């Protein structure tokens, strides 16, 4: 007999309690009452505060679903609930958890392929209508929804839209900016609200780590003597390099700012794209270039560089024909790509290289404006999802595994209730997250139940 420290009955009771609490927090028990945005904002943290493992797992999954696709948490909880109940039935019939897990994975791959192959793109007006219905269903204010729609209309399909907090403003606003925007990671401990701006700044992009200040000592010395601003973006910076720049900035003897390019899929080509934007090359040891050999006078100038936190905006004085060719090549690679995730990466790179950007500025402090920022960010993610992947009928989708069909019907029903349609990307996100969460909630307790039955 296999033994376990988990008590199956107690664990399943805690799963039921977590699901009931999730329904309550998202306003899903009373189908006629709209849940408030404040409730949606605090629901995951309130769910995690139960302290049980199932509650924390559900809370983490809700956060993941929101980060991936926006307004879909209300569809996620009923989907998990339906899948948990159906999986329990299979476990009690004596099906081994490993067999259930295998069927769950294979059916998930099948339905994901069907969704990706049959979705239909929808127009901007249809996306706006779906977003407005979903925002109303989830309690997001009409004002915030309208701001997001106006921002997306200004930016266009290739422009970038971001939300930011503006402490000095008295009202919320939308600002159209001209420049190429890239998302890096801040290095210096500066106020994220106060931007660093420099005109005719020298720029250098280093595909490597500046381990010591001695490697950029020549650049810093020339920037000081020439009284010119300098912007450096690299994969990382050593402690003495950061402290030297921070001290000289505080003394106002240097006008230098540094940003780190992230080590992720989005940041893999960030330095190359930034260098291509200004018609330069990234400094890389793979090409035989040394950081210490960089000559200050040969660095390209940029009309204006603006840095807010880790977000960098490069505004050029004139068009760069090489950049247009680079964007066209990325568009060709995106069209030939058959993997949706990689296609999204190409789309984000093209947006970064677009010269049009829109900022949704939320007034107030972080303490008073957290809910409004959450609303704008949620609506923005949902709008992008609708525009990029469109909708699918949903009713014809079917798999050979009963529990996945139950989850599929529940997700389609809840998404159609929220959006008036079934967003394809939202359906994939919900099903993947629900399958992972429900299998963890059920199969660990199911192993104990089967082991106890086999012992008898």
Protein backbone atom coordinates (compact mmCIF):
# COMPACT_ATOMS: atom_id res chain seq x y z
CA UNK A 1 0.00 0.00 0.00
CA UNK A 2 1.27 3.46 -0.93
CA UNK A 3 0.95 5.99 1.87
CA UNK A 4 0.71 9.78 1.64
CA UNK A 5 0.71 12.73 4.04
CA UNK A 6 -2.36 14.17 2.27
CA UNK A 7 -5.77 13.25 3.66
CA UNK A 8 -7.99 12.89 0.60
CA UNK A 9 -11.25 13.86 2.30
CA UNK A 10 -9.75 16.94 3.94
CA UNK A 11 -8.00 18.00 0.74
CA UNK A 12 -11.14 17.68 -1.35
CA UNK A 13 -13.06 19.66 1.26
CA UNK A 14 -10.49 22.45 1.02
CA UNK A 15 -10.81 22.37 -2.78
CA UNK A 16 -14.60 22.76 -2.48
CA UNK A 17 -14.13 25.60 -0.01
CA UNK A 18 -11.69 27.42 -2.31
CA UNK A 19 -14.01 27.08 -5.32
CA UNK A 20 -17.01 28.31 -3.30
CA UNK A 21 -14.99 31.30 -2.10
CA UNK A 22 -13.86 32.04 -5.67
CA UNK A 23 -17.47 32.02 -6.89
CA UNK A 24 -18.38 34.40 -4.08
CA UNK A 25 -15.50 36.81 -4.73
CA UNK A 26 -16.15 37.04 -8.46
CA UNK A 27 -19.90 37.46 -7.94
CA UNK A 28 -20.70 34.20 -9.72
CA UNK A 29 -23.34 32.92 -7.29
CA UNK A 30 -25.71 35.76 -8.10
CA UNK A 31 -25.81 35.64 -11.90
CA UNK A 32 -27.93 38.81 -12.16
CA UNK A 33 -25.67 40.95 -9.99
CA UNK A 34 -22.61 42.50 -11.62
CA UNK A 35 -19.41 42.06 -9.68
CA UNK A 36 -17.59 45.29 -8.94
CA UNK A 37 -14.17 46.09 -10.37
CA UNK A 38 -12.86 46.50 -6.83
CA UNK A 39 -13.97 42.94 -6.10
CA UNK A 40 -12.22 41.66 -9.24
CA UNK A 41 -9.07 43.55 -8.32
CA UNK A 42 -8.85 42.12 -4.81
CA UNK A 43 -10.33 38.67 -5.56
CA UNK A 44 -7.04 36.73 -6.06
CA UNK A 45 -5.40 38.15 -2.93
CA UNK A 46 -8.59 37.60 -0.91
CA UNK A 47 -8.73 34.04 -2.22
CA UNK A 48 -5.11 33.38 -1.26
CA UNK A 49 -5.78 34.73 2.23
CA UNK A 50 -7.77 31.54 2.98
CA UNK A 51 -4.35 30.00 3.57
CA UNK A 52 -5.07 26.61 2.00
CA UNK A 53 -3.05 25.15 -0.85
CA UNK A 54 -6.06 24.93 -3.25
CA UNK A 55 -6.95 28.57 -2.58
CA UNK A 56 -3.40 29.73 -3.33
CA UNK A 57 -3.32 27.65 -6.50
CA UNK A 58 -6.60 29.15 -7.68
CA UNK A 59 -5.39 32.66 -6.85
CA UNK A 60 -2.16 32.18 -8.81
CA UNK A 61 -4.07 30.81 -11.78
CA UNK A 62 -6.48 33.78 -11.72
CA UNK A 63 -3.50 36.16 -11.80
CA UNK A 64 -1.97 34.25 -14.72
CA UNK A 65 -5.23 34.32 -16.68
CA UNK A 66 -5.59 38.07 -16.17
CA UNK A 67 -1.98 38.73 -17.17
CA UNK A 68 -2.41 36.66 -20.33
CA UNK A 69 -5.75 37.84 -21.67
CA UNK A 70 -7.48 40.40 -19.45
CA UNK A 71 -11.17 40.01 -18.64
CA UNK A 72 -11.49 36.23 -18.41
CA UNK A 73 -11.20 35.43 -14.69
CA UNK A 74 -14.99 35.25 -14.44
CA UNK A 75 -14.98 32.46 -17.04
CA UNK A 76 -11.98 30.70 -15.50
CA UNK A 77 -13.50 29.84 -12.11
CA UNK A 78 -16.64 28.05 -13.45
CA UNK A 79 -14.42 26.20 -15.97
CA UNK A 80 -12.17 24.89 -13.18
CA UNK A 81 -15.24 23.97 -11.14
CA UNK A 82 -16.76 21.94 -14.00
CA UNK A 83 -13.46 20.21 -14.71
CA UNK A 84 -12.83 19.34 -11.05
CA UNK A 85 -16.25 17.73 -10.66
CA UNK A 86 -15.90 15.72 -13.88
CA UNK A 87 -12.37 14.53 -13.04
CA UNK A 88 -13.54 13.40 -9.60
CA UNK A 89 -16.19 11.23 -11.23
CA UNK A 90 -13.53 9.50 -13.34
CA UNK A 91 -11.32 8.97 -10.30
CA UNK A 92 -14.16 7.37 -8.34
CA UNK A 93 -14.84 5.05 -11.28
CA UNK A 94 -11.33 3.67 -10.80
CA UNK A 95 -9.47 5.35 -13.66
CA UNK A 96 -5.86 5.85 -12.62
CA UNK A 97 -4.74 9.50 -12.26
CA UNK A 98 -1.83 9.04 -14.70
CA UNK A 99 -4.26 7.87 -17.39
CA UNK A 100 -6.52 10.84 -16.64
CA UNK A 101 -3.60 13.24 -16.88
CA UNK A 102 -2.55 11.75 -20.24
CA UNK A 103 -6.09 12.08 -21.67
CA UNK A 104 -6.34 15.62 -20.34
CA UNK A 105 -3.12 16.70 -22.08
CA UNK A 106 -3.98 15.04 -25.39
CA UNK A 107 -7.54 16.46 -25.46
CA UNK A 108 -6.17 19.92 -24.58
CA UNK A 109 -3.75 19.77 -27.52
CA UNK A 110 -6.59 18.70 -29.80
CA UNK A 111 -8.95 21.51 -28.83
CA UNK A 112 -6.17 24.13 -28.88
CA UNK A 113 -5.29 23.10 -32.44
CA UNK A 114 -8.95 23.27 -33.47
CA UNK A 115 -9.34 26.76 -32.01
CA UNK A 116 -6.14 28.05 -33.63
CA UNK A 117 -7.22 26.61 -37.00
CA UNK A 118 -10.80 27.92 -37.04
CA UNK A 119 -10.85 31.35 -35.37
CA UNK A 120 -12.01 34.36 -37.41
CA UNK A 121 -10.61 37.86 -37.09
CA UNK A 122 -13.09 40.62 -36.25
CA UNK A 123 -13.03 44.33 -37.04
CA UNK A 124 -12.26 47.21 -34.72
CA UNK A 125 -15.92 48.15 -34.16
CA UNK A 126 -16.89 44.57 -33.30
CA UNK A 127 -13.94 44.38 -30.89
CA UNK A 128 -15.08 47.61 -29.22
CA UNK A 129 -18.62 46.27 -28.76
CA UNK A 130 -17.33 43.03 -27.25
CA UNK A 131 -14.99 44.94 -24.91
CA UNK A 132 -17.78 47.29 -23.74
CA UNK A 133 -20.06 44.36 -22.95
CA UNK A 134 -17.29 42.52 -21.10
CA UNK A 135 -16.32 45.65 -19.15
CA UNK A 136 -19.92 46.16 -18.08
CA UNK A 137 -20.20 42.48 -17.10
CA UNK A 138 -17.09 42.72 -14.93
CA UNK A 139 -17.82 46.13 -13.43
CA UNK A 140 -15.13 48.12 -15.24
CA UNK A 141 -16.17 51.76 -15.60
CA UNK A 142 -17.43 52.97 -18.97
CA UNK A 143 -15.00 55.92 -18.78
CA UNK A 144 -11.97 53.62 -18.53
CA UNK A 145 -13.29 51.41 -21.33
CA UNK A 146 -13.79 54.44 -23.59
CA UNK A 147 -10.24 55.66 -22.84
CA UNK A 148 -8.79 52.31 -23.88
CA UNK A 149 -10.84 52.27 -27.09
CA UNK A 150 -9.78 55.84 -27.97
CA UNK A 151 -6.14 54.98 -27.24
CA UNK A 152 -6.26 51.90 -29.48
CA UNK A 153 -7.91 53.97 -32.23
CA UNK A 154 -5.12 56.57 -32.04
CA UNK A 155 -2.33 53.99 -31.96
CA UNK A 156 -3.67 51.85 -34.77
CA UNK A 157 -2.96 48.15 -35.19
CA UNK A 158 0.82 48.63 -35.26
CA UNK A 159 1.16 51.25 -32.49
CA UNK A 160 1.90 50.69 -28.82
CA UNK A 161 -0.39 51.58 -25.92
CA UNK A 162 0.74 51.67 -22.30
CA UNK A 163 -0.72 52.77 -18.99
CA UNK A 164 1.17 54.95 -16.54
CA UNK A 165 0.57 56.82 -13.31
CA UNK A 166 0.80 60.62 -13.46
CA UNK A 167 0.92 62.10 -9.96
CA UNK A 168 1.03 65.73 -11.11
CA UNK A 169 -2.06 65.47 -13.37
CA UNK A 170 -5.51 66.43 -12.12
CA UNK A 171 -7.51 64.37 -14.61
CA UNK A 172 -7.02 61.16 -16.56
CA UNK A 173 -5.80 61.73 -20.13
CA UNK A 174 -4.58 60.11 -23.34
CA UNK A 175 -1.33 61.32 -24.91
CA UNK A 176 -0.15 60.53 -28.42
CA UNK A 177 3.64 60.25 -28.59
CA UNK A 178 5.96 59.91 -31.56
CA UNK A 179 8.87 57.62 -30.92
CA UNK A 180 10.02 54.01 -30.81
CA UNK A 181 9.25 52.45 -27.43
CA UNK A 182 11.07 49.52 -25.82
CA UNK A 183 10.47 47.88 -22.45
CA UNK A 184 13.69 47.36 -20.51
CA UNK A 185 14.44 47.04 -16.80
CA UNK A 186 15.46 50.02 -14.63
CA UNK A 187 18.89 49.92 -13.01
CA UNK A 188 19.22 53.21 -11.15
CA UNK A 189 16.96 53.86 -8.17
CA UNK A 190 15.11 56.88 -9.53
CA UNK A 191 11.52 57.98 -9.28
CA UNK A 192 9.56 55.94 -11.82
CA UNK A 193 7.14 58.85 -12.30
CA UNK A 194 9.84 61.42 -13.19
CA UNK A 195 11.26 60.73 -16.66
CA UNK A 196 14.87 61.15 -17.76
CA UNK A 197 14.90 63.15 -20.98
CA UNK A 198 17.81 64.19 -23.14
CA UNK A 199 18.05 65.82 -26.57
CA UNK A 200 20.77 64.95 -29.07
CA UNK A 201 21.92 62.17 -26.75
CA UNK A 202 24.67 59.74 -27.69
CA UNK A 203 23.45 56.13 -27.53
CA UNK A 204 25.26 52.83 -27.19
CA UNK A 205 23.73 49.35 -27.07
CA UNK A 206 25.86 46.57 -25.60
CA UNK A 207 24.89 42.92 -26.08
CA UNK A 208 26.80 41.88 -22.99
CA UNK A 209 27.39 42.78 -19.35
CA UNK A 210 29.36 45.84 -18.28
CA UNK A 211 31.16 44.11 -15.44
CA UNK A 212 33.42 46.99 -14.40
CA UNK A 213 33.33 50.78 -14.67
CA UNK A 214 36.75 50.65 -16.31
CA UNK A 215 35.12 49.25 -19.47
CA UNK A 216 33.05 52.43 -19.97
CA UNK A 217 35.46 54.87 -18.29
CA UNK A 218 36.42 56.40 -21.65
CA UNK A 219 32.74 56.96 -22.57
CA UNK A 220 31.97 58.57 -19.22
CA UNK A 221 35.05 60.81 -19.38
CA UNK A 222 34.17 62.06 -22.88
CA UNK A 223 30.52 62.60 -21.90
CA UNK A 224 31.71 64.72 -18.95
CA UNK A 225 34.21 66.78 -20.94
CA UNK A 226 31.87 67.32 -23.90
CA UNK A 227 28.87 68.03 -21.63
CA UNK A 228 26.75 65.70 -23.75
CA UNK A 229 24.05 63.30 -22.51
CA UNK A 230 24.76 59.59 -22.86
CA UNK A 231 22.35 56.64 -22.84
CA UNK A 232 23.63 53.08 -22.35
CA UNK A 233 21.56 49.91 -22.66
CA UNK A 234 23.22 46.57 -21.88
CA UNK A 235 22.40 43.07 -20.64
CA UNK A 236 23.64 43.98 -17.18
CA UNK A 237 25.86 46.29 -15.15
CA UNK A 238 28.38 45.57 -12.42
CA UNK A 239 27.99 47.13 -8.98
CA UNK A 240 30.84 49.62 -9.32
CA UNK A 241 29.55 50.83 -12.71
CA UNK A 242 26.08 51.46 -11.28
CA UNK A 243 27.38 53.21 -8.16
CA UNK A 244 29.79 55.43 -10.16
CA UNK A 245 27.04 56.59 -12.51
CA UNK A 246 24.57 57.10 -9.64
CA UNK A 247 27.03 59.24 -7.63
CA UNK A 248 27.96 61.41 -10.62
CA UNK A 249 24.31 61.86 -11.56
CA UNK A 250 23.54 62.99 -8.01
CA UNK A 251 26.45 65.50 -8.20
CA UNK A 252 25.24 66.57 -11.67
CA UNK A 253 28.69 65.99 -13.13
CA UNK A 254 27.30 63.44 -15.63
CA UNK A 255 24.09 63.31 -17.63
CA UNK A 256 24.07 59.55 -18.16
CA UNK A 257 21.28 57.01 -17.88
CA UNK A 258 21.47 53.22 -18.03
CA UNK A 259 18.81 50.57 -18.68
CA UNK A 260 19.08 46.78 -18.68
CA UNK A 261 17.72 44.63 -21.51
CA UNK A 262 15.77 41.69 -20.02
CA UNK A 263 16.82 38.05 -20.47
CA UNK A 264 13.53 36.76 -21.91
CA UNK A 265 11.90 36.07 -25.27
CA UNK A 266 10.84 39.69 -25.75
CA UNK A 267 14.25 41.05 -24.75
CA UNK A 268 16.29 38.63 -26.85
CA UNK A 269 16.25 40.96 -29.86
CA UNK A 270 15.65 44.24 -28.02
CA UNK A 271 19.23 45.53 -28.32
CA UNK A 272 19.39 44.70 -32.03
CA UNK A 273 16.05 46.45 -32.67
CA UNK A 274 17.07 49.53 -30.66
CA UNK A 275 20.37 49.79 -32.53
CA UNK A 276 18.59 49.28 -35.86
CA UNK A 277 16.20 52.10 -34.97
CA UNK A 278 19.00 54.69 -34.95
CA UNK A 279 21.02 53.09 -37.75
CA UNK A 280 23.75 51.65 -35.53
CA UNK A 281 25.04 48.21 -34.56
CA UNK A 282 24.89 46.60 -31.13
CA UNK A 283 28.30 46.03 -29.56
CA UNK A 284 28.80 42.27 -29.18
CA UNK A 285 31.79 40.11 -28.30
CA UNK A 286 30.47 37.56 -30.80
CA UNK A 287 31.35 40.04 -33.53
CA UNK A 288 34.78 40.72 -32.06
CA UNK A 289 33.83 44.08 -30.53
CA UNK A 290 35.13 45.17 -27.13
CA UNK A 291 33.22 47.48 -24.80
CA UNK A 292 36.43 49.31 -23.88
CA UNK A 293 37.13 49.98 -27.58
CA UNK A 294 33.93 51.97 -28.17
CA UNK A 295 34.73 55.52 -29.36
CA UNK A 296 32.48 58.25 -28.01
CA UNK A 297 32.70 60.43 -31.15
CA UNK A 298 31.47 57.55 -33.32
CA UNK A 299 28.28 56.97 -31.31
CA UNK A 300 25.02 57.85 -33.04
CA UNK A 301 22.94 60.76 -31.76
CA UNK A 302 19.19 60.53 -31.17
CA UNK A 303 16.86 63.52 -31.35
CA UNK A 304 15.34 62.77 -27.95
CA UNK A 305 15.60 59.91 -25.49
CA UNK A 306 12.94 59.52 -22.80
CA UNK A 307 13.18 56.93 -20.03
CA UNK A 308 10.39 56.28 -17.50
CA UNK A 309 11.34 53.44 -15.18
CA UNK A 310 12.54 50.84 -17.69
CA UNK A 311 10.50 52.10 -20.66
CA UNK A 312 12.71 53.74 -23.29
CA UNK A 313 11.37 55.97 -26.10
CA UNK A 314 13.69 56.96 -28.95
CA UNK A 315 12.48 59.91 -31.03
CA UNK A 316 14.33 60.32 -34.33
CA UNK A 317 14.93 63.56 -36.22
CA UNK A 318 14.49 61.90 -39.61
CA UNK A 319 13.28 58.64 -41.13
CA UNK A 320 15.61 55.68 -41.22
CA UNK A 321 15.20 53.68 -44.48
CA UNK A 322 17.12 50.73 -43.03
CA UNK A 323 14.56 50.53 -40.20
CA UNK A 324 11.70 50.32 -42.70
CA UNK A 325 13.41 47.39 -44.41
CA UNK A 326 13.91 45.71 -41.02
CA UNK A 327 10.21 46.09 -40.17
CA UNK A 328 9.22 44.67 -43.56
CA UNK A 329 11.46 41.64 -42.96
CA UNK A 330 9.89 41.07 -39.51
CA UNK A 331 6.41 41.28 -41.06
CA UNK A 332 7.43 38.66 -43.65
CA UNK A 333 8.76 36.35 -40.92
CA UNK A 334 5.55 36.80 -38.91
CA UNK A 335 3.43 35.85 -41.92
CA UNK A 336 5.50 32.70 -42.46
CA UNK A 337 5.44 31.73 -38.77
CA UNK A 338 3.11 28.84 -37.83
CA UNK A 339 3.59 29.05 -34.04
CA UNK A 340 1.12 31.53 -32.44
CA UNK A 341 3.47 32.41 -29.57
CA UNK A 342 6.31 33.33 -31.94
CA UNK A 343 3.91 35.27 -34.14
CA UNK A 344 3.02 37.36 -31.09
CA UNK A 345 6.73 38.01 -30.46
CA UNK A 346 7.15 39.31 -34.00
CA UNK A 347 4.07 41.51 -33.54
CA UNK A 348 5.49 43.04 -30.35
CA UNK A 349 8.82 43.73 -32.07
CA UNK A 350 7.03 45.46 -34.95
CA UNK A 351 5.04 47.56 -32.48
CA UNK A 352 8.24 48.61 -30.72
CA UNK A 353 9.68 49.71 -34.04
CA UNK A 354 6.54 51.71 -34.86
CA UNK A 355 6.93 55.45 -34.37
CA UNK A 356 3.42 55.89 -32.98
CA UNK A 357 2.60 55.33 -29.32
CA UNK A 358 -0.18 56.26 -26.93
CA UNK A 359 0.00 56.70 -23.17
CA UNK A 360 -3.07 56.34 -20.95
CA UNK A 361 -2.22 58.56 -17.99
CA UNK A 362 -4.05 57.89 -14.74
CA UNK A 363 -3.99 60.73 -12.23
CA UNK A 364 -3.48 60.30 -8.48
CA UNK A 365 -1.15 58.32 -6.25
CA UNK A 366 -0.47 54.58 -6.39
CA UNK A 367 -2.60 54.07 -3.30
CA UNK A 368 -5.68 55.86 -4.67
CA UNK A 369 -5.40 54.88 -8.32
CA UNK A 370 -4.54 51.18 -8.12
CA UNK A 371 -8.06 50.11 -9.11
CA UNK A 372 -8.18 52.50 -12.08
CA UNK A 373 -4.79 51.26 -13.28
CA UNK A 374 -6.02 47.68 -12.92
CA UNK A 375 -9.17 48.50 -14.94
CA UNK A 376 -7.23 50.18 -17.75
CA UNK A 377 -4.64 47.40 -17.91
CA UNK A 378 -7.33 44.70 -17.92
CA UNK A 379 -9.37 46.38 -20.68
CA UNK A 380 -6.22 46.99 -22.72
CA UNK A 381 -5.19 43.32 -22.57
CA UNK A 382 -8.69 42.22 -23.55
CA UNK A 383 -8.81 44.65 -26.49
CA UNK A 384 -5.43 43.47 -27.80
CA UNK A 385 -6.59 39.87 -27.51
CA UNK A 386 -9.75 40.57 -29.50
CA UNK A 387 -7.94 42.44 -32.26
CA UNK A 388 -5.08 39.96 -32.63
CA UNK A 389 -6.90 36.60 -32.50
CA UNK A 390 -10.58 37.35 -33.14
CA UNK A 391 -13.41 35.02 -32.12
CA UNK A 392 -14.64 31.48 -32.69
CA UNK A 393 -18.11 29.97 -32.77
CA UNK A 394 -17.22 27.51 -30.00
CA UNK A 395 -20.36 25.36 -30.14
CA UNK A 396 -18.88 22.90 -32.65
CA UNK A 397 -15.73 22.28 -30.62
CA UNK A 398 -15.52 18.80 -29.12
CA UNK A 399 -12.94 16.36 -27.77
CA UNK A 400 -12.91 12.64 -27.07
CA UNK A 401 -12.46 13.19 -23.31
CA UNK A 402 -15.61 13.90 -21.31
CA UNK A 403 -14.13 16.17 -18.59
CA UNK A 404 -12.52 18.43 -21.20
CA UNK A 405 -15.86 18.70 -22.98
CA UNK A 406 -17.48 19.78 -19.70
CA UNK A 407 -14.78 22.44 -19.23
CA UNK A 408 -15.12 23.54 -22.85
CA UNK A 409 -18.90 24.01 -22.60
CA UNK A 410 -18.52 25.96 -19.37
CA UNK A 411 -15.80 28.25 -20.78
CA UNK A 412 -17.74 28.93 -24.00
CA UNK A 413 -20.89 29.72 -22.03
CA UNK A 414 -19.17 32.13 -19.63
CA UNK A 415 -17.14 33.89 -22.30
CA UNK A 416 -20.21 34.38 -24.47
CA UNK A 417 -22.05 35.74 -21.43
CA UNK A 418 -19.26 38.26 -20.85
CA UNK A 419 -18.30 39.29 -24.39
CA UNK A 420 -21.36 38.42 -26.44
CA UNK A 421 -18.91 36.25 -28.42
CA UNK A 422 -16.14 33.73 -27.74
CA UNK A 423 -12.66 35.25 -28.07
CA UNK A 424 -10.34 32.54 -29.41
CA UNK A 425 -7.27 33.56 -27.39
CA UNK A 426 -9.31 33.85 -24.17
CA UNK A 427 -10.74 30.37 -24.68
CA UNK A 428 -7.25 28.87 -25.12
CA UNK A 429 -5.92 30.69 -22.04
CA UNK A 430 -8.87 29.63 -19.88
CA UNK A 431 -8.74 25.97 -20.95
CA UNK A 432 -4.97 25.66 -20.48
CA UNK A 433 -5.02 27.31 -17.06
CA UNK A 434 -8.10 25.37 -15.95
CA UNK A 435 -6.61 22.02 -17.04
CA UNK A 436 -3.37 22.67 -15.16
CA UNK A 437 -5.12 23.92 -12.03
CA UNK A 438 -7.90 21.30 -11.93
CA UNK A 439 -5.52 18.38 -12.48
CA UNK A 440 -3.38 19.57 -9.58
CA UNK A 441 -6.46 20.01 -7.39
CA UNK A 442 -7.93 16.60 -8.21
CA UNK A 443 -5.26 14.10 -9.09
CA UNK A 444 -3.15 14.51 -5.95
CA UNK A 445 -6.20 13.66 -3.84
CA UNK A 446 -7.22 10.95 -6.34
CA UNK A 447 -3.97 9.05 -5.91
CA UNK A 448 -4.65 8.72 -2.18
CA UNK A 449 -8.21 7.54 -2.80
CA UNK A 450 -7.10 4.86 -5.26
CA UNK A 451 -4.27 3.66 -3.05
CA UNK A 452 -6.64 3.30 -0.11
CA UNK A 453 -9.16 1.37 -2.26
CA UNK A 454 -6.49 -1.01 -3.59
CA UNK A 455 -5.35 -1.73 -0.04
CA UNK A 456 -8.78 -2.97 0.90
